Structure formats: structure tokens, C-alpha cells
């Protein structure tokens, strides 16, 4: 939906991001199981893939970059027990983002986020092949 509506992406992605942030936010103590990772790992994996695909296809839209950066930062905070299981998808997505968008990175914060995510992907053998 998001990628195929490139012309409406500046309106649609912030809606997706707010939902992603809501799903990733820690729940209050005493609430039901607060771990989205443990409850819905497939859903979380699909969100990560959606974020990576959005970065691959939409990073050239200046108005979206701040939202795309926020979404990438959400991945940084995921538990390592989960990110190790998606290292291949994360590593592949980052390799494609770097290949296609490196010249669009203007701040040290953007580079720092990519570096952190590459470090996370490299924690698992399946993610290393895309990076080295």
C-alpha cells in the first residue's frame, strides 16, 4: 500500500509510523504481556521489513526522511534475541539502502543509525553475509 502509493507517501507514512511507535512502546507495568516480540514475532518481523522497504523506496523524498529515521531508530531498541533472528533481512535491507541512498545521508545522526543497525545485523551469522 505504502510503496505503491508513492505520491501519497508523505501523508501515509506518518500514519504507519505512529502505529509502529504505538506497537513498539513499552507498556505500563501490570498490563498484559508487554512484549510484542514474544507475543507477535511475525508481526514485528513484517514491520521491520516494511520499514526497510520504505527506506529503500522512499528515502529520496525529503519530507519523509525524518519519519524514516525515526522508524529506523525503533529497530535499534528491539531485543537482541529478536534481532538475531532477523539479521539476514535487516542486513540485506541495510545493504540495499546503503547502495541506493548513501548520497542522501546528510547528517552524522543518519550515518550513526545505519552503523548501529549494521552492528545489530552482524550479531548473527545470517546478517553478516550482506555486510562483508
C-alpha atoms as a PDB file:
ATOM      1  CA  UNK A   1       0.000   0.000   0.000  1.00  0.00           C
ATOM      2  CA  UNK A   2       2.657   2.478   1.038  1.00  0.00           C
ATOM      3  CA  UNK A   3       5.178   1.753  -1.709  1.00  0.00           C
ATOM      4  CA  UNK A   4       2.569   1.547  -4.462  1.00  0.00           C
ATOM      5  CA  UNK A   5       1.169   4.954  -3.423  1.00  0.00           C
ATOM      6  CA  UNK A   6       4.455   6.807  -3.714  1.00  0.00           C
ATOM      7  CA  UNK A   7       2.651  10.063  -4.485  1.00  0.00           C
ATOM      8  CA  UNK A   8       0.744   9.828  -1.181  1.00  0.00           C
ATOM      9  CA  UNK A   9       3.650   8.517   0.881  1.00  0.00           C
ATOM     10  CA  UNK A  10       4.171  11.829   2.703  1.00  0.00           C
ATOM     11  CA  UNK A  11       0.624  11.528   4.031  1.00  0.00           C
ATOM     12  CA  UNK A  12       0.599   7.771   4.624  1.00  0.00           C
ATOM     13  CA  UNK A  13       3.977   7.059   6.231  1.00  0.00           C
ATOM     14  CA  UNK A  14       3.438   9.227   9.329  1.00  0.00           C
ATOM     15  CA  UNK A  15       0.259   7.206   9.990  1.00  0.00           C
ATOM     16  CA  UNK A  16       2.238   3.957   9.691  1.00  0.00           C
ATOM     17  CA  UNK A  17       4.979   5.365  11.923  1.00  0.00           C
ATOM     18  CA  UNK A  18       2.560   6.342  14.674  1.00  0.00           C
ATOM     19  CA  UNK A  19       1.191   2.782  14.686  1.00  0.00           C
ATOM     20  CA  UNK A  20       4.704   1.330  14.710  1.00  0.00           C
ATOM     21  CA  UNK A  21       5.644   3.559  17.659  1.00  0.00           C
ATOM     22  CA  UNK A  22       2.496   2.509  19.482  1.00  0.00           C
ATOM     23  CA  UNK A  23       3.262  -1.172  18.948  1.00  0.00           C
ATOM     24  CA  UNK A  24       6.920  -0.802  19.950  1.00  0.00           C
ATOM     25  CA  UNK A  25       6.235   1.335  23.041  1.00  0.00           C
ATOM     26  CA  UNK A  26       6.770  -0.383  26.371  1.00  0.00           C
ATOM     27  CA  UNK A  27       3.529  -0.992  28.174  1.00  0.00           C
ATOM     28  CA  UNK A  28       2.885   0.131  31.697  1.00  0.00           C
ATOM     29  CA  UNK A  29       3.782  -2.310  34.467  1.00  0.00           C
ATOM     30  CA  UNK A  30       0.905  -4.542  35.450  1.00  0.00           C
ATOM     31  CA  UNK A  31      -0.644  -4.510  31.986  1.00  0.00           C
ATOM     32  CA  UNK A  32      -0.966  -7.608  29.866  1.00  0.00           C
ATOM     33  CA  UNK A  33       2.202  -9.102  28.378  1.00  0.00           C
ATOM     34  CA  UNK A  34       4.175  -6.061  27.297  1.00  0.00           C
ATOM     35  CA  UNK A  35       6.442  -7.902  24.904  1.00  0.00           C
ATOM     36  CA  UNK A  36       5.295  -7.508  21.322  1.00  0.00           C
ATOM     37  CA  UNK A  37       8.324  -9.568  20.339  1.00  0.00           C
ATOM     38  CA  UNK A  38       7.246 -12.554  22.384  1.00  0.00           C
ATOM     39  CA  UNK A  39       3.569 -12.271  21.559  1.00  0.00           C
ATOM     40  CA  UNK A  40       3.732 -11.467  17.844  1.00  0.00           C
ATOM     41  CA  UNK A  41       7.214 -12.074  16.398  1.00  0.00           C
ATOM     42  CA  UNK A  42       5.884 -12.485  12.854  1.00  0.00           C
ATOM     43  CA  UNK A  43       4.060  -9.141  13.018  1.00  0.00           C
ATOM     44  CA  UNK A  44       7.176  -7.446  14.320  1.00  0.00           C
ATOM     45  CA  UNK A  45       9.317  -9.000  11.584  1.00  0.00           C
ATOM     46  CA  UNK A  46       6.860  -7.703   8.967  1.00  0.00           C
ATOM     47  CA  UNK A  47       7.051  -4.209  10.492  1.00  0.00           C
ATOM     48  CA  UNK A  48      10.846  -4.266  10.303  1.00  0.00           C
ATOM     49  CA  UNK A  49      10.702  -5.398   6.660  1.00  0.00           C
ATOM     50  CA  UNK A  50       8.152  -2.657   5.899  1.00  0.00           C
ATOM     51  CA  UNK A  51      10.446  -0.063   7.464  1.00  0.00           C
ATOM     52  CA  UNK A  52      13.391  -1.315   5.417  1.00  0.00           C
ATOM     53  CA  UNK A  53      11.361  -1.347   2.184  1.00  0.00           C
ATOM     54  CA  UNK A  54      10.073   2.154   2.887  1.00  0.00           C
ATOM     55  CA  UNK A  55      13.654   3.380   3.343  1.00  0.00           C
ATOM     56  CA  UNK A  56      14.743   1.672   0.122  1.00  0.00           C
ATOM     57  CA  UNK A  57      11.943   3.167  -1.958  1.00  0.00           C
ATOM     58  CA  UNK A  58      11.126   6.462  -0.242  1.00  0.00           C
ATOM     59  CA  UNK A  59      14.351   7.885   1.200  1.00  0.00           C
ATOM     60  CA  UNK A  60      14.687  10.237  -1.748  1.00  0.00           C
ATOM     61  CA  UNK A  61      11.545  12.096  -0.595  1.00  0.00           C
ATOM     62  CA  UNK A  62      12.993  14.837   1.615  1.00  0.00           C
ATOM     63  CA  UNK A  63       9.792  15.327   3.638  1.00  0.00           C
ATOM     64  CA  UNK A  64       9.832  11.662   4.682  1.00  0.00           C
ATOM     65  CA  UNK A  65      13.435  11.361   5.825  1.00  0.00           C
ATOM     66  CA  UNK A  66      12.755  12.434   9.415  1.00  0.00           C
ATOM     67  CA  UNK A  67       9.971   9.843   9.663  1.00  0.00           C
ATOM     68  CA  UNK A  68      12.102   7.150   8.058  1.00  0.00           C
ATOM     69  CA  UNK A  69      14.924   7.936  10.501  1.00  0.00           C
ATOM     70  CA  UNK A  70      12.518   7.644  13.433  1.00  0.00           C
ATOM     71  CA  UNK A  71      11.339   4.291  12.158  1.00  0.00           C
ATOM     72  CA  UNK A  72      14.919   3.012  11.802  1.00  0.00           C
ATOM     73  CA  UNK A  73      15.640   4.107  15.371  1.00  0.00           C
ATOM     74  CA  UNK A  74      12.744   1.927  16.559  1.00  0.00           C
ATOM     75  CA  UNK A  75      14.635  -1.117  15.307  1.00  0.00           C
ATOM     76  CA  UNK A  76      17.682  -0.161  17.414  1.00  0.00           C
ATOM     77  CA  UNK A  77      15.686  -0.693  20.598  1.00  0.00           C
ATOM     78  CA  UNK A  78      14.439  -4.199  19.805  1.00  0.00           C
ATOM     79  CA  UNK A  79      15.777  -7.014  21.985  1.00  0.00           C
ATOM     80  CA  UNK A  80      18.879  -8.711  20.613  1.00  0.00           C
ATOM     81  CA  UNK A  81      17.176 -12.090  20.997  1.00  0.00           C
ATOM     82  CA  UNK A  82      14.756 -10.943  18.308  1.00  0.00           C
ATOM     83  CA  UNK A  83      17.120  -9.004  16.025  1.00  0.00           C
ATOM     84  CA  UNK A  84      19.392 -12.051  15.773  1.00  0.00           C
ATOM     85  CA  UNK A  85      16.519 -13.964  14.190  1.00  0.00           C
ATOM     86  CA  UNK A  86      16.016 -11.310  11.506  1.00  0.00           C
ATOM     87  CA  UNK A  87      19.675 -10.461  10.926  1.00  0.00           C
ATOM     88  CA  UNK A  88      19.530 -11.613   7.308  1.00  0.00           C
ATOM     89  CA  UNK A  89      16.550  -9.383   6.454  1.00  0.00           C
ATOM     90  CA  UNK A  90      17.980  -6.457   8.339  1.00  0.00           C
ATOM     91  CA  UNK A  91      21.439  -6.855   6.786  1.00  0.00           C
ATOM     92  CA  UNK A  92      20.042  -7.233   3.275  1.00  0.00           C
ATOM     93  CA  UNK A  93      17.758  -4.220   3.661  1.00  0.00           C
ATOM     94  CA  UNK A  94      20.577  -2.070   5.009  1.00  0.00           C
ATOM     95  CA  UNK A  95      22.882  -3.125   2.168  1.00  0.00           C
ATOM     96  CA  UNK A  96      20.249  -2.053  -0.354  1.00  0.00           C
ATOM     97  CA  UNK A  97      19.616   1.226   1.475  1.00  0.00           C
ATOM     98  CA  UNK A  98      23.342   1.977   1.515  1.00  0.00           C
ATOM     99  CA  UNK A  99      23.782   1.096  -2.134  1.00  0.00           C
ATOM    100  CA  UNK A 100      20.860   3.218  -3.275  1.00  0.00           C
ATOM    101  CA  UNK A 101      20.705   6.077  -0.788  1.00  0.00           C
ATOM    102  CA  UNK A 102      24.148   6.671   0.733  1.00  0.00           C
ATOM    103  CA  UNK A 103      24.459  10.002  -1.057  1.00  0.00           C
ATOM    104  CA  UNK A 104      21.241  11.210   0.617  1.00  0.00           C
ATOM    105  CA  UNK A 105      22.629  10.847   4.152  1.00  0.00           C
ATOM    106  CA  UNK A 106      23.386  14.397   5.237  1.00  0.00           C
ATOM    107  CA  UNK A 107      23.844  14.167   8.995  1.00  0.00           C
ATOM    108  CA  UNK A 108      26.080  12.230  11.323  1.00  0.00           C
ATOM    109  CA  UNK A 109      22.903  11.000  13.054  1.00  0.00           C
ATOM    110  CA  UNK A 110      21.770   9.277   9.849  1.00  0.00           C
ATOM    111  CA  UNK A 111      25.155   7.567   9.499  1.00  0.00           C
ATOM    112  CA  UNK A 112      25.169   6.652  13.177  1.00  0.00           C
ATOM    113  CA  UNK A 113      21.776   4.975  12.884  1.00  0.00           C
ATOM    114  CA  UNK A 114      22.911   2.939   9.875  1.00  0.00           C
ATOM    115  CA  UNK A 115      26.128   1.943  11.663  1.00  0.00           C
ATOM    116  CA  UNK A 116      24.217   0.844  14.762  1.00  0.00           C
ATOM    117  CA  UNK A 117      21.807  -1.222  12.679  1.00  0.00           C
ATOM    118  CA  UNK A 118      24.677  -2.800  10.731  1.00  0.00           C
ATOM    119  CA  UNK A 119      26.266  -3.742  14.057  1.00  0.00           C
ATOM    120  CA  UNK A 120      22.962  -5.289  15.154  1.00  0.00           C
ATOM    121  CA  UNK A 121      22.601  -7.249  11.900  1.00  0.00           C
ATOM    122  CA  UNK A 122      26.190  -8.504  12.167  1.00  0.00           C
ATOM    123  CA  UNK A 123      25.458 -10.093  15.543  1.00  0.00           C
ATOM    124  CA  UNK A 124      24.045 -13.091  13.683  1.00  0.00           C
ATOM    125  CA  UNK A 125      25.844 -15.118  11.049  1.00  0.00           C
ATOM    126  CA  UNK A 126      22.931 -14.787   8.616  1.00  0.00           C
ATOM    127  CA  UNK A 127      23.173 -10.985   8.649  1.00  0.00           C
ATOM    128  CA  UNK A 128      26.937 -10.801   8.146  1.00  0.00           C
ATOM    129  CA  UNK A 129      26.921 -12.020   4.552  1.00  0.00           C
ATOM    130  CA  UNK A 130      25.177  -8.891   3.382  1.00  0.00           C
ATOM    131  CA  UNK A 131      27.599  -6.584   5.112  1.00  0.00           C
ATOM    132  CA  UNK A 132      31.028  -8.026   4.462  1.00  0.00           C
END
